[in-house]
């Protein structure tokens, strides 16, 4: 499973809160789609691919268009379960 930019934010074993804070430019406790794209451009020099956006939406557990620390924790838990299969 390719986590795209989220591979940079967290791995299957640990949430990288410091990276979350870097991406959350307005410090509202969640990553918007525009923050995701801006950070992706800055960090990787390209726009997110469709696969990267799919990872964003998969991590957005409550489908509100934002990824919170809680969403990342739930995504991490699900990713760990999937990676053991």
Protein backbone atom coordinates (compact mmCIF):
# COMPACT_ATOMS: atom_id res chain seq x y z
CA UNK A 1 0.00 0.00 0.00
CA UNK A 2 1.50 3.33 -1.08
CA UNK A 3 0.74 6.02 1.47
CA UNK A 4 2.07 8.88 -0.65
CA UNK A 5 2.41 12.05 1.41
CA UNK A 6 0.91 10.25 4.38
CA UNK A 7 3.91 7.95 4.35
CA UNK A 8 5.83 11.10 5.20
CA UNK A 9 3.38 12.05 7.96
CA UNK A 10 3.11 8.65 9.57
CA UNK A 11 4.12 5.05 9.17
CA UNK A 12 2.33 1.85 10.07
CA UNK A 13 3.94 1.93 13.51
CA UNK A 14 4.01 5.54 14.68
CA UNK A 15 2.15 8.82 14.17
CA UNK A 16 4.61 11.63 13.47
CA UNK A 17 2.93 14.50 15.30
CA UNK A 18 5.75 16.92 14.52
CA UNK A 19 5.15 16.37 10.81
CA UNK A 20 1.44 16.90 11.35
CA UNK A 21 2.17 20.31 12.88
CA UNK A 22 4.33 21.24 9.86
CA UNK A 23 1.51 20.45 7.44
CA UNK A 24 -1.23 22.08 9.54
CA UNK A 25 -0.28 25.63 8.48
CA UNK A 26 -3.16 27.40 10.24
CA UNK A 27 -2.74 25.26 13.40
CA UNK A 28 -6.43 24.42 13.67
CA UNK A 29 -5.69 20.77 14.51
CA UNK A 30 -6.55 19.37 11.10
CA UNK A 31 -5.04 19.18 7.63
CA UNK A 32 -7.17 20.62 4.85
CA UNK A 33 -6.92 19.56 1.23
CA UNK A 34 -5.22 22.86 0.38
CA UNK A 35 -2.68 22.38 3.21
CA UNK A 36 -2.06 18.82 1.99
CA UNK A 37 -1.45 20.03 -1.55
CA UNK A 38 0.74 22.98 -0.49
CA UNK A 39 2.91 20.80 1.72
CA UNK A 40 3.13 18.13 -0.96
CA UNK A 41 4.35 20.71 -3.49
CA UNK A 42 6.90 22.10 -1.03
CA UNK A 43 8.18 18.72 0.16
CA UNK A 44 8.10 16.69 -3.07
CA UNK A 45 8.06 19.34 -5.81
CA UNK A 46 4.91 18.03 -7.49
CA UNK A 47 1.16 17.95 -7.11
CA UNK A 48 -0.38 14.97 -5.33
CA UNK A 49 -1.29 12.13 -7.67
CA UNK A 50 -4.71 10.47 -7.72
CA UNK A 51 -3.24 7.77 -5.49
CA UNK A 52 -2.00 10.42 -3.04
CA UNK A 53 -5.46 12.00 -2.94
CA UNK A 54 -7.00 8.56 -2.40
CA UNK A 55 -4.74 8.18 0.66
CA UNK A 56 -5.87 11.58 1.93
CA UNK A 57 -9.53 10.62 1.58
CA UNK A 58 -8.94 7.21 3.12
CA UNK A 59 -7.30 8.90 6.12
CA UNK A 60 -10.26 11.32 6.39
CA UNK A 61 -12.29 8.88 8.48
CA UNK A 62 -15.33 11.12 9.02
CA UNK A 63 -15.37 12.43 5.42
CA UNK A 64 -15.34 16.10 6.43
CA UNK A 65 -12.57 17.07 3.97
CA UNK A 66 -9.96 17.37 6.72
CA UNK A 67 -7.52 14.96 8.33
CA UNK A 68 -7.22 15.38 12.10
CA UNK A 69 -4.78 13.73 14.48
CA UNK A 70 -7.66 11.45 15.47
CA UNK A 71 -8.21 10.51 11.80
CA UNK A 72 -4.50 9.72 11.47
CA UNK A 73 -4.61 7.52 14.57
CA UNK A 74 -7.58 5.58 13.12
CA UNK A 75 -5.87 5.35 9.72
CA UNK A 76 -2.68 4.13 11.38
CA UNK A 77 -4.59 1.46 13.28
CA UNK A 78 -6.31 0.27 10.09
CA UNK A 79 -3.08 0.37 8.09
CA UNK A 80 -1.30 -1.78 10.67
CA UNK A 81 -4.10 -4.33 10.49
CA UNK A 82 -3.99 -4.31 6.67
CA UNK A 83 -0.21 -4.59 6.55
CA UNK A 84 -0.25 -7.76 8.65
CA UNK A 85 -2.46 -9.55 6.12
